Amino acid sequence: MPLPDWRAHYGELLDSVAAAVDGVSGLDLTAELITHRFTPGSKEVLLGWYPRTTLEMDEASRTRKYGKFGAVKYVYPRDTMAELRSWFERELAGRLPACRVRYWT
């Protein structure tokens, strides 16, 4: 999620992972990079469970996409997705060179 200072926070997370696996031999490290998305139904459920949530679920700030069977979901705009993806791919390669990205969405 592109929260304030997201690069610094995710950078710290990646540094922590790198430190935790440093020196581990035979490591098969993969990453799945999944951005936050929601449907009208999932938003309703989350707001019911967590009525005071601060999780950003503003349809106006998202791009509306349609799934395989016509279901609506809200994702980050194309520019935001490209920025997130390029940053994570670059930082993973630099901080965890043995890590393969298996999935991006």
C-alpha atoms as a PDB file:
ATOM      1  CA  MET A   1       0.000   0.000   0.000  1.00  0.00           C
ATOM      2  CA  PRO A   2       1.405   3.413  -0.904  1.00  0.00           C
ATOM      3  CA  LEU A   3       1.029   4.917   2.557  1.00  0.00           C
ATOM      4  CA  PRO A   4       3.045   7.979   3.640  1.00  0.00           C
ATOM      5  CA  ASP A   5       6.768   7.102   3.637  1.00  0.00           C
ATOM      6  CA  TRP A   6       6.003   3.689   2.146  1.00  0.00           C
ATOM      7  CA  ARG A   7       9.447   3.350   0.563  1.00  0.00           C
ATOM      8  CA  ALA A   8      11.194   3.815   3.923  1.00  0.00           C
ATOM      9  CA  HIS A   9       8.862   1.431   5.741  1.00  0.00           C
ATOM     10  CA  TYR A  10       9.003  -1.310   3.112  1.00  0.00           C
ATOM     11  CA  GLY A  11      12.754  -0.746   2.844  1.00  0.00           C
ATOM     12  CA  GLU A  12      13.098  -1.460   6.576  1.00  0.00           C
ATOM     13  CA  LEU A  13      11.010  -4.597   6.144  1.00  0.00           C
ATOM     14  CA  LEU A  14      13.196  -5.823   3.278  1.00  0.00           C
ATOM     15  CA  ASP A  15      16.338  -5.029   5.297  1.00  0.00           C
ATOM     16  CA  SER A  16      14.932  -7.097   8.187  1.00  0.00           C
ATOM     17  CA  VAL A  17      14.274 -10.022   5.871  1.00  0.00           C
ATOM     18  CA  ALA A  18      17.764  -9.717   4.376  1.00  0.00           C
ATOM     19  CA  ALA A  19      19.304  -9.766   7.863  1.00  0.00           C
ATOM     20  CA  ALA A  20      17.198 -12.766   8.883  1.00  0.00           C
ATOM     21  CA  VAL A  21      18.275 -14.870   5.899  1.00  0.00           C
ATOM     22  CA  ASP A  22      21.899 -13.692   5.748  1.00  0.00           C
ATOM     23  CA  GLY A  23      24.185 -16.698   5.602  1.00  0.00           C
ATOM     24  CA  VAL A  24      21.407 -19.255   5.142  1.00  0.00           C
ATOM     25  CA  SER A  25      22.574 -21.743   2.553  1.00  0.00           C
ATOM     26  CA  GLY A  26      20.321 -23.408   0.006  1.00  0.00           C
ATOM     27  CA  LEU A  27      17.667 -20.769   0.491  1.00  0.00           C
ATOM     28  CA  ASP A  28      14.742 -20.886  -1.948  1.00  0.00           C
ATOM     29  CA  LEU A  29      13.338 -17.398  -1.442  1.00  0.00           C
ATOM     30  CA  THR A  30      10.359 -16.131  -3.402  1.00  0.00           C
ATOM     31  CA  ALA A  31       8.041 -13.154  -3.060  1.00  0.00           C
ATOM     32  CA  GLU A  32       4.431 -12.564  -4.001  1.00  0.00           C
ATOM     33  CA  LEU A  33       3.686  -8.856  -4.342  1.00  0.00           C
ATOM     34  CA  ILE A  34      -0.005  -8.183  -3.869  1.00  0.00           C
ATOM     35  CA  THR A  35      -1.418  -4.668  -3.749  1.00  0.00           C
ATOM     36  CA  HIS A  36      -4.518  -3.756  -1.793  1.00  0.00           C
ATOM     37  CA  ARG A  37      -7.744  -4.060  -3.764  1.00  0.00           C
ATOM     38  CA  PHE A  38     -11.355  -4.350  -2.793  1.00  0.00           C
ATOM     39  CA  THR A  39     -14.790  -5.097  -4.157  1.00  0.00           C
ATOM     40  CA  PRO A  40     -18.008  -3.392  -3.077  1.00  0.00           C
ATOM     41  CA  GLY A  41     -18.877  -6.549  -1.123  1.00  0.00           C
ATOM     42  CA  SER A  42     -15.519  -6.851   0.632  1.00  0.00           C
ATOM     43  CA  LYS A  43     -15.632  -3.155   1.537  1.00  0.00           C
ATOM     44  CA  GLU A  44     -19.063  -3.612   3.104  1.00  0.00           C
ATOM     45  CA  VAL A  45     -17.872  -6.619   5.121  1.00  0.00           C
ATOM     46  CA  LEU A  46     -14.737  -4.852   6.339  1.00  0.00           C
ATOM     47  CA  LEU A  47     -16.654  -1.740   7.353  1.00  0.00           C
ATOM     48  CA  GLY A  48     -19.124  -3.960   9.215  1.00  0.00           C
ATOM     49  CA  TRP A  49     -16.355  -5.760  11.087  1.00  0.00           C
ATOM     50  CA  TYR A  50     -14.160  -2.691  11.610  1.00  0.00           C
ATOM     51  CA  PRO A  51     -16.398   0.395  11.505  1.00  0.00           C
ATOM     52  CA  ARG A  52     -13.598   2.753  12.628  1.00  0.00           C
ATOM     53  CA  THR A  53     -11.016   1.456  10.165  1.00  0.00           C
ATOM     54  CA  THR A  54      -8.678   3.932   8.534  1.00  0.00           C
ATOM     55  CA  LEU A  55      -7.969   1.556   5.649  1.00  0.00           C
ATOM     56  CA  GLU A  56      -8.260   3.572   2.447  1.00  0.00           C
ATOM     57  CA  MET A  57     -11.174   2.262   0.366  1.00  0.00           C
ATOM     58  CA  ASP A  58     -12.201   5.326  -1.627  1.00  0.00           C
ATOM     59  CA  GLU A  59     -13.561   4.259  -5.016  1.00  0.00           C
ATOM     60  CA  ALA A  60     -12.885   7.734  -6.448  1.00  0.00           C
ATOM     61  CA  SER A  61      -9.127   7.360  -5.880  1.00  0.00           C
ATOM     62  CA  ARG A  62      -8.987   3.909  -7.470  1.00  0.00           C
ATOM     63  CA  THR A  63      -9.345   2.399 -10.915  1.00  0.00           C
ATOM     64  CA  ARG A  64     -12.394   0.274 -11.529  1.00  0.00           C
ATOM     65  CA  LYS A  65     -11.607  -3.104 -13.082  1.00  0.00           C
ATOM     66  CA  TYR A  66     -13.747  -6.050 -14.025  1.00  0.00           C
ATOM     67  CA  GLY A  67     -12.876  -9.634 -13.221  1.00  0.00           C
ATOM     68  CA  LYS A  68     -13.213 -12.673 -15.413  1.00  0.00           C
ATOM     69  CA  PHE A  69     -16.943 -12.987 -14.780  1.00  0.00           C
ATOM     70  CA  GLY A  70     -17.753  -9.275 -14.681  1.00  0.00           C
ATOM     71  CA  ALA A  71     -17.215  -8.664 -10.966  1.00  0.00           C
ATOM     72  CA  VAL A  72     -16.082  -5.131 -10.095  1.00  0.00           C
ATOM     73  CA  LYS A  73     -12.916  -4.510  -8.108  1.00  0.00           C
ATOM     74  CA  TYR A  74     -11.082  -1.325  -7.234  1.00  0.00           C
ATOM     75  CA  VAL A  75      -7.305  -1.233  -7.688  1.00  0.00           C
ATOM     76  CA  TYR A  76      -4.652   1.457  -7.548  1.00  0.00           C
ATOM     77  CA  PRO A  77      -4.334   3.632 -10.673  1.00  0.00           C
ATOM     78  CA  ARG A  78      -1.908   2.495 -13.387  1.00  0.00           C
ATOM     79  CA  ASP A  79       0.834   5.025 -12.467  1.00  0.00           C
ATOM     80  CA  THR A  80       0.729   3.999  -8.804  1.00  0.00           C
ATOM     81  CA  MET A  81       0.856   0.310  -9.726  1.00  0.00           C
ATOM     82  CA  ALA A  82       3.840   0.894 -12.025  1.00  0.00           C
ATOM     83  CA  GLU A  83       5.666   2.860  -9.338  1.00  0.00           C
ATOM     84  CA  LEU A  84       5.045   0.189  -6.702  1.00  0.00           C
ATOM     85  CA  ARG A  85       6.061  -2.640  -8.996  1.00  0.00           C
ATOM     86  CA  SER A  86       9.273  -1.031 -10.244  1.00  0.00           C
ATOM     87  CA  TRP A  87      10.324  -0.050  -6.716  1.00  0.00           C
ATOM     88  CA  PHE A  88       9.737  -3.506  -5.260  1.00  0.00           C
ATOM     89  CA  GLU A  89      11.415  -5.322  -8.144  1.00  0.00           C
ATOM     90  CA  ARG A  90      14.454  -3.017  -7.948  1.00  0.00           C
ATOM     91  CA  GLU A  91      14.719  -3.150  -4.146  1.00  0.00           C
ATOM     92  CA  LEU A  92      14.250  -6.911  -3.944  1.00  0.00           C
ATOM     93  CA  ALA A  93      16.983  -7.395  -6.542  1.00  0.00           C
ATOM     94  CA  GLY A  94      19.322  -5.115  -4.592  1.00  0.00           C
ATOM     95  CA  ARG A  95      18.562  -6.244  -1.043  1.00  0.00           C
ATOM     96  CA  LEU A  96      17.640  -9.892  -1.627  1.00  0.00           C
ATOM     97  CA  PRO A  97      19.271 -10.873  -4.913  1.00  0.00           C
ATOM     98  CA  ALA A  98      18.399 -14.564  -4.469  1.00  0.00           C
ATOM     99  CA  CYS A  99      14.696 -13.730  -4.180  1.00  0.00           C
ATOM    100  CA  ARG A 100      12.497 -14.391  -7.196  1.00  0.00           C
ATOM    101  CA  VAL A 101       9.252 -12.513  -7.675  1.00  0.00           C
ATOM    102  CA  ARG A 102       6.636 -15.159  -8.382  1.00  0.00           C
ATOM    103  CA  TYR A 103       3.538 -13.022  -8.561  1.00  0.00           C
ATOM    104  CA  TRP A 104       2.547  -9.398  -8.970  1.00  0.00           C
ATOM    105  CA  THR A 105      -0.959  -8.015  -8.800  1.00  0.00           C
END
